[in-house]
């Protein structure tokens, strides 16, 4: 987490590494969807698409550093 001064003495806060920012953005979307603050058919289709096997296959195509369990 980093703090910078920008125009007109306003402070800007940003994350040092974008993966942290992406994680919080994804968490916000998921929590908003789960609490029904976002009711988008496209988002619902995206989050609930396919079976667990299909999800694992997609993740294997694009490996991540974290285990699936």
N, C-alpha and C. Protein backbone atom coordinates (compact mmCIF):
# COMPACT_ATOMS: atom_id res chain seq x y z
N UNK A 1 0.85 -1.16 0.00
CA UNK A 1 0.00 0.00 0.00
C UNK A 1 0.89 1.22 0.00
N UNK A 2 0.60 2.18 -0.89
CA UNK A 2 1.47 3.33 -1.04
C UNK A 2 0.63 4.59 -1.09
N UNK A 3 1.14 5.67 -0.52
CA UNK A 3 0.45 6.95 -0.52
C UNK A 3 1.27 7.94 -1.34
N UNK A 4 0.59 8.67 -2.23
CA UNK A 4 1.27 9.66 -3.06
C UNK A 4 0.53 10.98 -2.99
N UNK A 5 1.27 12.06 -3.12
CA UNK A 5 0.64 13.38 -3.24
C UNK A 5 0.45 13.69 -4.71
N UNK A 6 -0.72 14.18 -5.05
CA UNK A 6 -1.01 14.54 -6.44
C UNK A 6 -1.47 15.98 -6.48
N UNK A 7 -2.07 16.35 -7.57
CA UNK A 7 -2.50 17.73 -7.80
C UNK A 7 -3.35 18.26 -6.65
N UNK A 8 -3.23 19.56 -6.40
CA UNK A 8 -4.03 20.27 -5.41
C UNK A 8 -3.93 19.67 -4.01
N UNK A 9 -2.79 19.12 -3.68
CA UNK A 9 -2.53 18.56 -2.35
C UNK A 9 -3.49 17.42 -1.97
N UNK A 10 -4.09 16.81 -2.95
CA UNK A 10 -4.94 15.64 -2.67
C UNK A 10 -4.04 14.42 -2.53
N UNK A 11 -4.46 13.52 -1.70
CA UNK A 11 -3.68 12.29 -1.51
C UNK A 11 -4.31 11.17 -2.33
N UNK A 12 -3.46 10.36 -2.87
CA UNK A 12 -3.88 9.23 -3.67
C UNK A 12 -3.28 7.98 -3.04
N UNK A 13 -4.11 6.99 -2.82
CA UNK A 13 -3.64 5.73 -2.26
C UNK A 13 -3.69 4.67 -3.36
N UNK A 14 -2.65 3.89 -3.46
CA UNK A 14 -2.64 2.84 -4.47
C UNK A 14 -1.91 1.62 -3.91
N UNK A 15 -2.13 0.50 -4.55
CA UNK A 15 -1.48 -0.74 -4.15
C UNK A 15 -0.16 -0.86 -4.88
N UNK A 16 0.85 -1.35 -4.18
CA UNK A 16 2.17 -1.47 -4.77
C UNK A 16 2.16 -2.54 -5.86
N UNK A 17 1.43 -3.61 -5.66
CA UNK A 17 1.37 -4.69 -6.64
C UNK A 17 -0.06 -4.86 -7.12
N UNK A 18 -0.26 -4.90 -8.43
CA UNK A 18 -1.62 -4.94 -8.99
C UNK A 18 -2.39 -6.20 -8.63
N UNK A 19 -1.72 -7.30 -8.32
CA UNK A 19 -2.47 -8.51 -7.98
C UNK A 19 -3.29 -8.30 -6.71
N UNK A 20 -2.80 -7.48 -5.80
CA UNK A 20 -3.57 -7.19 -4.58
C UNK A 20 -4.81 -6.39 -4.94
N UNK A 21 -4.65 -5.41 -5.81
CA UNK A 21 -5.79 -4.61 -6.26
C UNK A 21 -6.80 -5.48 -7.00
N UNK A 22 -6.33 -6.37 -7.85
CA UNK A 22 -7.22 -7.27 -8.59
C UNK A 22 -7.96 -8.21 -7.64
N UNK A 23 -7.27 -8.69 -6.61
CA UNK A 23 -7.91 -9.56 -5.63
C UNK A 23 -9.06 -8.84 -4.94
N UNK A 24 -8.81 -7.61 -4.47
CA UNK A 24 -9.86 -6.86 -3.79
C UNK A 24 -11.01 -6.49 -4.73
N UNK A 25 -10.70 -6.23 -5.99
CA UNK A 25 -11.76 -5.94 -6.97
C UNK A 25 -12.63 -7.17 -7.17
N UNK A 26 -12.01 -8.33 -7.31
CA UNK A 26 -12.77 -9.57 -7.49
C UNK A 26 -13.57 -9.89 -6.24
N UNK A 27 -13.00 -9.68 -5.08
CA UNK A 27 -13.70 -9.92 -3.82
C UNK A 27 -14.91 -8.99 -3.70
N UNK A 28 -14.75 -7.73 -4.09
CA UNK A 28 -15.86 -6.78 -4.05
C UNK A 28 -17.00 -7.24 -4.96
N UNK A 29 -16.68 -7.65 -6.18
CA UNK A 29 -17.71 -8.09 -7.12
C UNK A 29 -18.41 -9.33 -6.58
N UNK A 30 -17.64 -10.29 -6.06
CA UNK A 30 -18.25 -11.51 -5.52
C UNK A 30 -19.16 -11.20 -4.34
N UNK A 31 -18.66 -10.40 -3.40
CA UNK A 31 -19.47 -10.06 -2.21
C UNK A 31 -20.72 -9.28 -2.60
N UNK A 32 -20.59 -8.36 -3.55
CA UNK A 32 -21.74 -7.59 -4.02
C UNK A 32 -22.76 -8.51 -4.67
N UNK A 33 -22.28 -9.46 -5.46
CA UNK A 33 -23.19 -10.41 -6.10
C UNK A 33 -23.85 -11.30 -5.06
N UNK A 34 -23.06 -11.78 -4.09
CA UNK A 34 -23.59 -12.68 -3.06
C UNK A 34 -24.62 -11.99 -2.19
N UNK A 35 -24.44 -10.70 -1.94
CA UNK A 35 -25.40 -9.96 -1.11
C UNK A 35 -26.50 -9.32 -1.94
N UNK A 36 -26.53 -9.65 -3.23
CA UNK A 36 -27.57 -9.20 -4.17
C UNK A 36 -27.56 -7.69 -4.40
N UNK A 37 -26.43 -7.03 -4.14
CA UNK A 37 -26.32 -5.61 -4.48
C UNK A 37 -26.09 -5.45 -5.98
N UNK A 38 -25.54 -6.47 -6.62
CA UNK A 38 -25.39 -6.48 -8.07
C UNK A 38 -26.27 -7.61 -8.58
N UNK A 39 -27.17 -7.29 -9.47
CA UNK A 39 -28.05 -8.31 -10.03
C UNK A 39 -27.95 -8.25 -11.55
N UNK A 40 -26.87 -8.77 -12.06
CA UNK A 40 -26.63 -8.76 -13.49
C UNK A 40 -26.67 -10.18 -14.02
N UNK A 41 -27.52 -10.44 -15.01
CA UNK A 41 -27.56 -11.80 -15.58
C UNK A 41 -26.20 -12.21 -16.16
N UNK A 42 -25.48 -11.27 -16.77
CA UNK A 42 -24.17 -11.61 -17.34
C UNK A 42 -23.18 -12.00 -16.25
N UNK A 43 -23.18 -11.28 -15.15
CA UNK A 43 -22.29 -11.61 -14.04
C UNK A 43 -22.68 -12.95 -13.43
N UNK A 44 -23.97 -13.18 -13.27
CA UNK A 44 -24.44 -14.45 -12.72
C UNK A 44 -24.00 -15.61 -13.60
N UNK A 45 -24.17 -15.45 -14.91
CA UNK A 45 -23.75 -16.50 -15.84
C UNK A 45 -22.25 -16.74 -15.74
N UNK A 46 -21.48 -15.66 -15.62
CA UNK A 46 -20.03 -15.79 -15.54
C UNK A 46 -19.60 -16.50 -14.26
N UNK A 47 -20.20 -16.12 -13.13
CA UNK A 47 -19.80 -16.71 -11.85
C UNK A 47 -20.27 -18.14 -11.68
N UNK A 48 -21.38 -18.49 -12.28
CA UNK A 48 -21.97 -19.81 -12.05
C UNK A 48 -21.85 -20.74 -13.25
N UNK A 49 -21.00 -20.40 -14.20
CA UNK A 49 -20.92 -21.17 -15.43
C UNK A 49 -20.28 -22.54 -15.19
N UNK A 50 -20.83 -23.53 -15.82
CA UNK A 50 -20.23 -24.85 -15.85
C UNK A 50 -20.14 -25.57 -14.52
N UNK A 51 -19.57 -26.76 -14.61
CA UNK A 51 -19.40 -27.60 -13.43
C UNK A 51 -18.02 -27.39 -12.83
N UNK A 52 -17.79 -28.03 -11.71
CA UNK A 52 -16.48 -27.94 -11.06
C UNK A 52 -15.39 -28.53 -11.95
N UNK A 53 -15.71 -29.59 -12.69
CA UNK A 53 -14.74 -30.20 -13.59
C UNK A 53 -14.35 -29.23 -14.70
N UNK A 54 -15.35 -28.50 -15.24
CA UNK A 54 -15.05 -27.52 -16.29
C UNK A 54 -14.19 -26.39 -15.74
N UNK A 55 -14.47 -25.97 -14.52
CA UNK A 55 -13.68 -24.92 -13.90
C UNK A 55 -12.24 -25.38 -13.71
N UNK A 56 -12.06 -26.61 -13.21
CA UNK A 56 -10.70 -27.13 -13.02
C UNK A 56 -9.96 -27.23 -14.35
N UNK A 57 -10.67 -27.64 -15.41
CA UNK A 57 -10.04 -27.73 -16.73
C UNK A 57 -9.59 -26.36 -17.21
N UNK A 58 -10.43 -25.35 -16.99
CA UNK A 58 -10.04 -23.99 -17.40
C UNK A 58 -8.85 -23.50 -16.59
N UNK A 59 -8.83 -23.80 -15.29
CA UNK A 59 -7.72 -23.37 -14.46
C UNK A 59 -6.43 -24.10 -14.83
N UNK A 60 -6.55 -25.35 -15.28
CA UNK A 60 -5.37 -26.08 -15.70
C UNK A 60 -4.80 -25.50 -16.99
N UNK A 61 -5.68 -24.95 -17.84
CA UNK A 61 -5.21 -24.30 -19.06
C UNK A 61 -4.41 -23.04 -18.72
N UNK A 62 -4.82 -22.37 -17.67
CA UNK A 62 -4.17 -21.14 -17.22
C UNK A 62 -3.79 -21.32 -15.76
N UNK A 63 -2.66 -21.98 -15.50
CA UNK A 63 -2.30 -22.32 -14.12
C UNK A 63 -2.14 -21.09 -13.23
N UNK A 64 -2.44 -21.30 -11.98
CA UNK A 64 -2.26 -20.27 -10.97
C UNK A 64 -1.29 -20.78 -9.92
N UNK A 65 -0.82 -19.90 -9.08
CA UNK A 65 0.17 -20.29 -8.07
C UNK A 65 -0.46 -20.89 -6.82
N UNK A 66 -1.77 -20.81 -6.69
CA UNK A 66 -2.44 -21.32 -5.49
C UNK A 66 -3.09 -22.66 -5.79
N UNK A 67 -3.16 -23.55 -4.81
CA UNK A 67 -3.83 -24.84 -5.02
C UNK A 67 -5.34 -24.66 -5.15
N UNK A 68 -5.99 -25.61 -5.80
CA UNK A 68 -7.44 -25.54 -5.99
C UNK A 68 -8.22 -25.91 -4.74
N UNK A 69 -7.60 -26.58 -3.81
CA UNK A 69 -8.32 -27.03 -2.61
C UNK A 69 -8.52 -25.93 -1.63
